[in-house]
Structures are given as structure tokens and as C-alpha cells.
Amino acid sequence: MKSTSIALFAAALSLTAATAFADPTCTTEPKSAWQDQEVFKQSLLDQGYKIKKFKETDTGCYEIYGWNNQGQKVEIYFNPVNGEAVKTEID
């Protein structure tokens, strides 16, 4: 009994942790409505961002790892339809 309770508690805890660190949902629009990746990346570079990594998430976002125009290390999730930042983390 005791090991079953511990296993259930551990499973619940891992689900809670996974939810807390999940990527945000940026859009549910079809990809045909999204901005072109290369054009979007270039617009960020034109704004002064330095991009180390650019990716498309499973939750409908464009995500970058790099530096903003003030030189701060950032991880930013963007809505690929309108280009708005949905979530920003600055180190």
C-alpha cells in the first residue's frame, strides 16, 4: 500500500512539474496564416536581436534563444501570426 501511495504521489508531482514548465500556446491559427520564418527572423535581426537558436514549437510559437538589443540573454516565444511576444525570459 505504502509504495503505491508514493508512486501515485510521484506521478502527480511529475505532471504538475511538466505543466509548470510547458511552452505557452501562441496561436491556434493554421500555418498558412503564419509569417514566413526567414522574414520573421530578419525582422528580429533588424530590431537588434542576435539569434543563437530559432525554432517552431509544438504549441504554435516561434521561439528564439539569443540576445535582445540591450545585450541581455533572452528566451522569447512569439505569436507567428502577429509577431507579438507571448512569453519572455531574460537572464
PDB file of N, CA and C in Angstrom:
ATOM      1  N   MET A   1       0.801  -1.182   0.000  1.00  0.00           N
ATOM      2  CA  MET A   1       0.000   0.000   0.000  1.00  0.00           C
ATOM      3  C   MET A   1       0.861   1.271   0.000  1.00  0.00           C
ATOM      4  N   LYS A   2       1.841   1.283   0.874  1.00  0.00           N
ATOM      5  CA  LYS A   2       2.650   2.480   1.015  1.00  0.00           C
ATOM      6  C   LYS A   2       3.392   2.798  -0.282  1.00  0.00           C
ATOM      7  N   SER A   3       3.960   1.794  -0.952  1.00  0.00           N
ATOM      8  CA  SER A   3       4.684   2.049  -2.195  1.00  0.00           C
ATOM      9  C   SER A   3       3.743   2.537  -3.294  1.00  0.00           C
ATOM     10  N   THR A   4       2.483   2.074  -3.290  1.00  0.00           N
ATOM     11  CA  THR A   4       1.504   2.544  -4.268  1.00  0.00           C
ATOM     12  C   THR A   4       1.210   4.020  -4.050  1.00  0.00           C
ATOM     13  N   SER A   5       1.062   4.435  -2.809  1.00  0.00           N
ATOM     14  CA  SER A   5       0.807   5.845  -2.492  1.00  0.00           C
ATOM     15  C   SER A   5       1.974   6.718  -2.918  1.00  0.00           C
ATOM     16  N   ILE A   6       3.173   6.256  -2.678  1.00  0.00           N
ATOM     17  CA  ILE A   6       4.371   7.008  -3.070  1.00  0.00           C
ATOM     18  C   ILE A   6       4.437   7.117  -4.588  1.00  0.00           C
ATOM     19  N   ALA A   7       4.140   6.039  -5.283  1.00  0.00           N
ATOM     20  CA  ALA A   7       4.163   6.050  -6.745  1.00  0.00           C
ATOM     21  C   ALA A   7       3.119   7.019  -7.300  1.00  0.00           C
ATOM     22  N   LEU A   8       1.932   7.028  -6.728  1.00  0.00           N
ATOM     23  CA  LEU A   8       0.889   7.946  -7.176  1.00  0.00           C
ATOM     24  C   LEU A   8       1.279   9.398  -6.908  1.00  0.00           C
ATOM     25  N   PHE A   9       1.858   9.644  -5.749  1.00  0.00           N
ATOM     26  CA  PHE A   9       2.311  10.991  -5.412  1.00  0.00           C
ATOM     27  C   PHE A   9       3.402  11.451  -6.384  1.00  0.00           C
ATOM     28  N   ALA A  10       4.344  10.577  -6.684  1.00  0.00           N
ATOM     29  CA  ALA A  10       5.430  10.914  -7.609  1.00  0.00           C
ATOM     30  C   ALA A  10       4.887  11.195  -9.009  1.00  0.00           C
ATOM     31  N   ALA A  11       3.906  10.415  -9.444  1.00  0.00           N
ATOM     32  CA  ALA A  11       3.301  10.634 -10.760  1.00  0.00           C
ATOM     33  C   ALA A  11       2.576  11.980 -10.805  1.00  0.00           C
ATOM     34  N   ALA A  12       1.836  12.298  -9.769  1.00  0.00           N
ATOM     35  CA  ALA A  12       1.121  13.577  -9.715  1.00  0.00           C
ATOM     36  C   ALA A  12       2.097  14.750  -9.691  1.00  0.00           C
ATOM     37  N   LEU A  13       3.164  14.600  -8.942  1.00  0.00           N
ATOM     38  CA  LEU A  13       4.173  15.646  -8.862  1.00  0.00           C
ATOM     39  C   LEU A  13       4.836  15.870 -10.215  1.00  0.00           C
ATOM     40  N   SER A  14       5.144  14.813 -10.938  1.00  0.00           N
ATOM     41  CA  SER A  14       5.785  14.969 -12.241  1.00  0.00           C
ATOM     42  C   SER A  14       4.843  15.634 -13.239  1.00  0.00           C
ATOM     43  N   LEU A  15       3.555  15.365 -13.173  1.00  0.00           N
ATOM     44  CA  LEU A  15       2.592  16.021 -14.054  1.00  0.00           C
ATOM     45  C   LEU A  15       2.494  17.503 -13.730  1.00  0.00           C
ATOM     46  N   THR A  16       2.529  17.842 -12.460  1.00  0.00           N
ATOM     47  CA  THR A  16       2.477  19.239 -12.048  1.00  0.00           C
ATOM     48  C   THR A  16       3.718  19.974 -12.536  1.00  0.00           C
ATOM     49  N   ALA A  17       4.860  19.375 -12.404  1.00  0.00           N
ATOM     50  CA  ALA A  17       6.108  19.996 -12.852  1.00  0.00           C
ATOM     51  C   ALA A  17       6.108  20.169 -14.363  1.00  0.00           C
ATOM     52  N   ALA A  18       5.625  19.191 -15.095  1.00  0.00           N
ATOM     53  CA  ALA A  18       5.583  19.289 -16.548  1.00  0.00           C
ATOM     54  C   ALA A  18       4.670  20.421 -16.982  1.00  0.00           C
ATOM     55  N   THR A  19       3.575  20.611 -16.299  1.00  0.00           N
ATOM     56  CA  THR A  19       2.644  21.681 -16.628  1.00  0.00           C
ATOM     57  C   THR A  19       3.263  23.043 -16.329  1.00  0.00           C
ATOM     58  N   ALA A  20       3.982  23.160 -15.246  1.00  0.00           N
ATOM     59  CA  ALA A  20       4.575  24.431 -14.858  1.00  0.00           C
ATOM     60  C   ALA A  20       5.624  24.892 -15.858  1.00  0.00           C
ATOM     61  N   PHE A  21       6.315  23.987 -16.514  1.00  0.00           N
ATOM     62  CA  PHE A  21       7.385  24.342 -17.429  1.00  0.00           C
ATOM     63  C   PHE A  21       6.984  24.187 -18.896  1.00  0.00           C
ATOM     64  N   ALA A  22       5.715  24.017 -19.173  1.00  0.00           N
ATOM     65  CA  ALA A  22       5.255  23.817 -20.536  1.00  0.00           C
ATOM     66  C   ALA A  22       5.381  25.110 -21.339  1.00  0.00           C
ATOM     67  N   ASP A  23       5.610  24.950 -22.645  1.00  0.00           N
ATOM     68  CA  ASP A  23       5.663  26.094 -23.535  1.00  0.00           C
ATOM     69  C   ASP A  23       4.283  26.745 -23.600  1.00  0.00           C
ATOM     70  N   PRO A  24       4.238  28.063 -23.774  1.00  0.00           N
ATOM     71  CA  PRO A  24       2.937  28.714 -23.922  1.00  0.00           C
ATOM     72  C   PRO A  24       2.326  28.378 -25.282  1.00  0.00           C
ATOM     73  N   THR A  25       1.025  28.494 -25.375  1.00  0.00           N
ATOM     74  CA  THR A  25       0.361  28.364 -26.667  1.00  0.00           C
ATOM     75  C   THR A  25       0.273  29.765 -27.254  1.00  0.00           C
ATOM     76  N   CYS A  26       0.852  29.951 -28.434  1.00  0.00           N
ATOM     77  CA  CYS A  26       0.904  31.284 -29.046  1.00  0.00           C
ATOM     78  C   CYS A  26      -0.230  31.512 -30.034  1.00  0.00           C
ATOM     79  N   THR A  27      -0.606  30.470 -30.772  1.00  0.00           N
ATOM     80  CA  THR A  27      -1.700  30.602 -31.726  1.00  0.00           C
ATOM     81  C   THR A  27      -2.262  29.226 -32.059  1.00  0.00           C
ATOM     82  N   THR A  28      -3.500  29.237 -32.477  1.00  0.00           N
ATOM     83  CA  THR A  28      -4.135  28.019 -32.999  1.00  0.00           C
ATOM     84  C   THR A  28      -4.460  28.198 -34.477  1.00  0.00           C
ATOM     85  N   GLU A  29      -4.003  29.308 -35.042  1.00  0.00           N
ATOM     86  CA  GLU A  29      -4.229  29.578 -36.467  1.00  0.00           C
ATOM     87  C   GLU A  29      -3.470  28.561 -37.310  1.00  0.00           C
ATOM     88  N   PRO A  30      -3.975  28.252 -38.511  1.00  0.00           N
ATOM     89  CA  PRO A  30      -3.258  27.326 -39.396  1.00  0.00           C
ATOM     90  C   PRO A  30      -1.936  27.943 -39.856  1.00  0.00           C
ATOM     91  N   LYS A  31      -0.989  27.097 -40.204  1.00  0.00           N
ATOM     92  CA  LYS A  31       0.335  27.586 -40.611  1.00  0.00           C
ATOM     93  C   LYS A  31       0.272  28.500 -41.830  1.00  0.00           C
ATOM     94  N   SER A  32      -0.770  28.374 -42.617  1.00  0.00           N
ATOM     95  CA  SER A  32      -0.909  29.252 -43.782  1.00  0.00           C
ATOM     96  C   SER A  32      -1.077  30.716 -43.365  1.00  0.00           C
ATOM     97  N   ALA A  33      -1.465  30.962 -42.119  1.00  0.00           N
ATOM     98  CA  ALA A  33      -1.630  32.328 -41.612  1.00  0.00           C
ATOM     99  C   ALA A  33      -0.359  32.858 -40.942  1.00  0.00           C
ATOM    100  N   TRP A  34       0.632  32.000 -40.742  1.00  0.00           N
ATOM    101  CA  TRP A  34       1.858  32.381 -40.051  1.00  0.00           C
ATOM    102  C   TRP A  34       2.761  33.211 -40.958  1.00  0.00           C
ATOM    103  N   GLN A  35       3.546  34.083 -40.337  1.00  0.00           N
ATOM    104  CA  GLN A  35       4.573  34.818 -41.075  1.00  0.00           C
ATOM    105  C   GLN A  35       5.667  33.843 -41.503  1.00  0.00           C
ATOM    106  N   ASP A  36       6.273  34.116 -42.623  1.00  0.00           N
ATOM    107  CA  ASP A  36       7.390  33.305 -43.097  1.00  0.00           C
ATOM    108  C   ASP A  36       8.525  33.361 -42.075  1.00  0.00           C
ATOM    109  N   GLN A  37       9.109  32.203 -41.758  1.00  0.00           N
ATOM    110  CA  GLN A  37      10.160  32.142 -40.728  1.00  0.00           C
ATOM    111  C   GLN A  37      11.344  33.044 -41.046  1.00  0.00           C
ATOM    112  N   GLU A  38      11.816  32.987 -42.284  1.00  0.00           N
ATOM    113  CA  GLU A  38      13.001  33.778 -42.646  1.00  0.00           C
ATOM    114  C   GLU A  38      12.720  35.273 -42.574  1.00  0.00           C
ATOM    115  N   VAL A  39      11.552  35.680 -43.012  1.00  0.00           N
ATOM    116  CA  VAL A  39      11.167  37.091 -42.941  1.00  0.00           C
ATOM    117  C   VAL A  39      11.038  37.525 -41.482  1.00  0.00           C
ATOM    118  N   PHE A  40      10.442  36.669 -40.647  1.00  0.00           N
ATOM    119  CA  PHE A  40      10.281  36.985 -39.230  1.00  0.00           C
ATOM    120  C   PHE A  40      11.641  37.087 -38.552  1.00  0.00           C
ATOM    121  N   LYS A  41      12.527  36.129 -38.807  1.00  0.00           N
ATOM    122  CA  LYS A  41      13.870  36.179 -38.219  1.00  0.00           C
ATOM    123  C   LYS A  41      14.587  37.461 -38.628  1.00  0.00           C
ATOM    124  N   GLN A  42      14.475  37.826 -39.895  1.00  0.00           N
ATOM    125  CA  GLN A  42      15.150  39.039 -40.370  1.00  0.00           C
ATOM    126  C   GLN A  42      14.598  40.278 -39.681  1.00  0.00           C
ATOM    127  N   SER A  43      13.291  40.304 -39.424  1.00  0.00           N
ATOM    128  CA  SER A  43      12.712  41.460 -38.724  1.00  0.00           C
ATOM    129  C   SER A  43      13.266  41.568 -37.302  1.00  0.00           C
ATOM    130  N   LEU A  44      13.490  40.420 -36.653  1.00  0.00           N
ATOM    131  CA  LEU A  44      14.099  40.443 -35.311  1.00  0.00           C
ATOM    132  C   LEU A  44      15.537  40.940 -35.380  1.00  0.00           C
ATOM    133  N   LEU A  45      16.285  40.474 -36.368  1.00  0.00           N
ATOM    134  CA  LEU A  45      17.664  40.940 -36.533  1.00  0.00           C
ATOM    135  C   LEU A  45      17.697  42.437 -36.795  1.00  0.00           C
ATOM    136  N   ASP A  46      16.754  42.927 -37.597  1.00  0.00           N
ATOM    137  CA  ASP A  46      16.673  44.364 -37.884  1.00  0.00           C
ATOM    138  C   ASP A  46      16.362  45.180 -36.636  1.00  0.00           C
ATOM    139  N   GLN A  47      15.698  44.554 -35.654  1.00  0.00           N
ATOM    140  CA  GLN A  47      15.379  45.226 -34.384  1.00  0.00           C
ATOM    141  C   GLN A  47      16.539  45.160 -33.390  1.00  0.00           C
ATOM    142  N   GLY A  48      17.622  44.483 -33.767  1.00  0.00           N
ATOM    143  CA  GLY A  48      18.798  44.419 -32.901  1.00  0.00           C
ATOM    144  C   GLY A  48      18.972  43.122 -32.137  1.00  0.00           C
ATOM    145  N   TYR A  49      18.096  42.145 -32.361  1.00  0.00           N
ATOM    146  CA  TYR A  49      18.257  40.849 -31.700  1.00  0.00           C
ATOM    147  C   TYR A  49      19.413  40.089 -32.336  1.00  0.00           C
ATOM    148  N   LYS A  50      20.091  39.298 -31.535  1.00  0.00           N
ATOM    149  CA  LYS A  50      21.092  38.338 -32.018  1.00  0.00           C
ATOM    150  C   LYS A  50      20.520  36.977 -31.698  1.00  0.00           C
ATOM    151  N   ILE A  51      20.347  36.144 -32.703  1.00  0.00           N
ATOM    152  CA  ILE A  51      19.669  34.860 -32.542  1.00  0.00           C
ATOM    153  C   ILE A  51      20.676  33.726 -32.558  1.00  0.00           C
ATOM    154  N   LYS A  52      20.712  32.986 -31.456  1.00  0.00           N
ATOM    155  CA  LYS A  52      21.551  31.792 -31.378  1.00  0.00           C
ATOM    156  C   LYS A  52      20.787  30.589 -31.924  1.00  0.00           C
ATOM    157  N   LYS A  53      19.487  30.498 -31.554  1.00  0.00           N
ATOM    158  CA  LYS A  53      18.651  29.385 -31.998  1.00  0.00           C
ATOM    159  C   LYS A  53      17.241  29.898 -32.260  1.00  0.00           C
ATOM    160  N   PHE A  54      16.675  29.462 -33.363  1.00  0.00           N
ATOM    161  CA  PHE A  54      15.301  29.812 -33.736  1.00  0.00           C
ATOM    162  C   PHE A  54      14.580  28.515 -34.019  1.00  0.00           C
ATOM    163  N   LYS A  55      13.393  28.343 -33.421  1.00  0.00           N
ATOM    164  CA  LYS A  55      12.655  27.111 -33.678  1.00  0.00           C
ATOM    165  C   LYS A  55      11.158  27.350 -33.629  1.00  0.00           C
ATOM    166  N   GLU A  56      10.444  26.411 -34.179  1.00  0.00           N
ATOM    167  CA  GLU A  56       8.988  26.384 -34.124  1.00  0.00           C
ATOM    168  C   GLU A  56       8.614  25.369 -33.053  1.00  0.00           C
ATOM    169  N   THR A  57       7.761  25.761 -32.117  1.00  0.00           N
ATOM    170  CA  THR A  57       7.382  24.847 -31.039  1.00  0.00           C
ATOM    171  C   THR A  57       6.152  24.035 -31.429  1.00  0.00           C
ATOM    172  N   ASP A  58       5.884  23.011 -30.654  1.00  0.00           N
ATOM    173  CA  ASP A  58       4.693  22.189 -30.862  1.00  0.00           C
ATOM    174  C   ASP A  58       3.423  22.896 -30.397  1.00  0.00           C
ATOM    175  N   THR A  59       3.583  24.044 -29.742  1.00  0.00           N
ATOM    176  CA  THR A  59       2.438  24.764 -29.198  1.00  0.00           C
ATOM    177  C   THR A  59       2.101  26.021 -29.999  1.00  0.00           C
ATOM    178  N   GLY A  60       2.555  26.085 -31.242  1.00  0.00           N
ATOM    179  CA  GLY A  60       2.188  27.188 -32.118  1.00  0.00           C
ATOM    180  C   GLY A  60       2.960  28.470 -31.913  1.00  0.00           C
ATOM    181  N   CYS A  61       4.260  28.360 -31.606  1.00  0.00           N
ATOM    182  CA  CYS A  61       5.082  29.550 -31.382  1.00  0.00           C
ATOM    183  C   CYS A  61       6.333  29.516 -32.251  1.00  0.00           C
ATOM    184  N   TYR A  62       6.880  30.697 -32.500  1.00  0.00           N
ATOM    185  CA  TYR A  62       8.269  30.819 -32.914  1.00  0.00           C
ATOM    186  C   TYR A  62       9.021  31.131 -31.625  1.00  0.00           C
ATOM    187  N   GLU A  63      10.110  30.422 -31.384  1.00  0.00           N
ATOM    188  CA  GLU A  63      10.881  30.612 -30.150  1.00  0.00           C
ATOM    189  C   GLU A  63      12.310  30.942 -30.516  1.00  0.00           C
ATOM    190  N   ILE A  64      12.865  31.935 -29.831  1.00  0.00           N
ATOM    191  CA  ILE A  64      14.279  32.245 -30.040  1.00  0.00           C
ATOM    192  C   ILE A  64      15.042  32.155 -28.731  1.00  0.00           C
ATOM    193  N   TYR A  65      16.305  31.796 -28.878  1.00  0.00           N
ATOM    194  CA  TYR A  65      17.292  31.879 -27.811  1.00  0.00           C
ATOM    195  C   TYR A  65      18.355  32.815 -28.358  1.00  0.00           C
ATOM    196  N   GLY A  66      18.727  33.812 -27.590  1.00  0.00           N
ATOM    197  CA  GLY A  66      19.740  34.744 -28.063  1.00  0.00           C
ATOM    198  C   GLY A  66      19.847  35.939 -27.144  1.00  0.00           C
ATOM    199  N   TRP A  67      20.020  37.141 -27.750  1.00  0.00           N
ATOM    200  CA  TRP A  67      20.222  38.372 -27.007  1.00  0.00           C
ATOM    201  C   TRP A  67      19.343  39.466 -27.590  1.00  0.00           C
ATOM    202  N   ASN A  68      18.771  40.283 -26.702  1.00  0.00           N
ATOM    203  CA  ASN A  68      17.955  41.399 -27.180  1.00  0.00           C
ATOM    204  C   ASN A  68      18.848  42.569 -27.573  1.00  0.00           C
ATOM    205  N   ASN A  69      18.227  43.688 -27.965  1.00  0.00           N
ATOM    206  CA  ASN A  69      19.016  44.829 -28.429  1.00  0.00           C
ATOM    207  C   ASN A  69      19.748  45.558 -27.299  1.00  0.00           C
ATOM    208  N   GLN A  70      19.539  45.149 -26.047  1.00  0.00           N
ATOM    209  CA  GLN A  70      20.321  45.679 -24.922  1.00  0.00           C
ATOM    210  C   GLN A  70      21.427  44.715 -24.495  1.00  0.00           C
ATOM    211  N   GLY A  71      21.589  43.622 -25.234  1.00  0.00           N
ATOM    212  CA  GLY A  71      22.636  42.654 -24.942  1.00  0.00           C
ATOM    213  C   GLY A  71      22.276  41.649 -23.861  1.00  0.00           C
ATOM    214  N   GLN A  72      21.006  41.620 -23.433  1.00  0.00           N
ATOM    215  CA  GLN A  72      20.583  40.670 -22.402  1.00  0.00           C
ATOM    216  C   GLN A  72      20.258  39.322 -23.050  1.00  0.00           C
ATOM    217  N   LYS A  73      20.656  38.260 -22.374  1.00  0.00           N
ATOM    218  CA  LYS A  73      20.351  36.914 -22.856  1.00  0.00           C
ATOM    219  C   LYS A  73      18.854  36.658 -22.676  1.00  0.00           C
ATOM    220  N   VAL A  74      18.200  36.195 -23.744  1.00  0.00           N
ATOM    221  CA  VAL A  74      16.745  36.031 -23.710  1.00  0.00           C
ATOM    222  C   VAL A  74      16.308  34.697 -24.304  1.00  0.00           C
ATOM    223  N   GLU A  75      15.129  34.281 -23.872  1.00  0.00           N
ATOM    224  CA  GLU A  75      14.370  33.206 -24.497  1.00  0.00           C
ATOM    225  C   GLU A  75      12.977  33.804 -24.676  1.00  0.00           C
ATOM    226  N   ILE A  76      12.522  33.890 -25.934  1.00  0.00           N
ATOM    227  CA  ILE A  76      11.248  34.559 -26.208  1.00  0.00           C
ATOM    228  C   ILE A  76      10.387  33.682 -27.107  1.00  0.00           C
ATOM    229  N   TYR A  77       9.107  33.581 -26.738  1.00  0.00           N
ATOM    230  CA  TYR A  77       8.105  32.889 -27.536  1.00  0.00           C
ATOM    231  C   TYR A  77       7.262  33.952 -28.236  1.00  0.00           C
ATOM    232  N   PHE A  78       7.147  33.847 -29.555  1.00  0.00           N
ATOM    233  CA  PHE A  78       6.391  34.815 -30.341  1.00  0.00           C
ATOM    234  C   PHE A  78       5.175  34.161 -30.992  1.00  0.00           C
ATOM    235  N   ASN A  79       4.105  34.936 -31.105  1.00  0.00           N
ATOM    236  CA  ASN A  79       2.957  34.527 -31.899  1.00  0.00           C
ATOM    237  C   ASN A  79       3.390  34.669 -33.358  1.00  0.00           C
ATOM    238  N   PRO A  80       3.391  33.579 -34.134  1.00  0.00           N
ATOM    239  CA  PRO A  80       3.887  33.649 -35.505  1.00  0.00           C
ATOM    240  C   PRO A  80       2.929  34.330 -36.478  1.00  0.00           C
ATOM    241  N   VAL A  81       1.720  34.626 -36.040  1.00  0.00           N
ATOM    242  CA  VAL A  81       0.753  35.305 -36.902  1.00  0.00           C
ATOM    243  C   VAL A  81       0.940  36.819 -36.826  1.00  0.00           C
ATOM    244  N   ASN A  82       0.953  37.367 -35.596  1.00  0.00           N
ATOM    245  CA  ASN A  82       1.042  38.816 -35.450  1.00  0.00           C
ATOM    246  C   ASN A  82       2.407  39.299 -34.949  1.00  0.00           C
ATOM    247  N   GLY A  83       3.314  38.380 -34.597  1.00  0.00           N
ATOM    248  CA  GLY A  83       4.667  38.743 -34.181  1.00  0.00           C
ATOM    249  C   GLY A  83       4.806  39.217 -32.750  1.00  0.00           C
ATOM    250  N   GLU A  84       3.730  39.201 -31.981  1.00  0.00           N
ATOM    251  CA  GLU A  84       3.806  39.662 -30.590  1.00  0.00           C
ATOM    252  C   GLU A  84       4.543  38.662 -29.707  1.00  0.00           C
ATOM    253  N   ALA A  85       5.324  39.169 -28.757  1.00  0.00           N
ATOM    254  CA  ALA A  85       5.971  38.316 -27.770  1.00  0.00           C
ATOM    255  C   ALA A  85       4.915  37.835 -26.787  1.00  0.00           C
ATOM    256  N   VAL A  86       4.822  36.501 -26.621  1.00  0.00           N
ATOM    257  CA  VAL A  86       3.846  35.905 -25.724  1.00  0.00           C
ATOM    258  C   VAL A  86       4.466  35.647 -24.362  1.00  0.00           C
ATOM    259  N   LYS A  87       5.730  35.248 -24.361  1.00  0.00           N
ATOM    260  CA  LYS A  87       6.444  34.973 -23.109  1.00  0.00           C
ATOM    261  C   LYS A  87       7.916  35.339 -23.318  1.00  0.00           C
ATOM    262  N   THR A  88       8.471  36.059 -22.346  1.00  0.00           N
ATOM    263  CA  THR A  88       9.866  36.475 -22.424  1.00  0.00           C
ATOM    264  C   THR A  88      10.573  36.110 -21.130  1.00  0.00           C
ATOM    265  N   GLU A  89      11.726  35.479 -21.265  1.00  0.00           N
ATOM    266  CA  GLU A  89      12.571  35.178 -20.104  1.00  0.00           C
ATOM    267  C   GLU A  89      13.919  35.850 -20.352  1.00  0.00           C
ATOM    268  N   ILE A  90      14.351  36.657 -19.395  1.00  0.00           N
ATOM    269  CA  ILE A  90      15.624  37.366 -19.502  1.00  0.00           C
ATOM    270  C   ILE A  90      16.545  36.866 -18.407  1.00  0.00           C
ATOM    271  N   ASP A  91      17.768  36.494 -18.784  1.00  0.00           N
ATOM    272  CA  ASP A  91      18.763  36.060 -17.791  1.00  0.00           C
ATOM    273  C   ASP A  91      19.566  37.228 -17.321  1.00  0.00           C
TER     274      ASP A  91
END
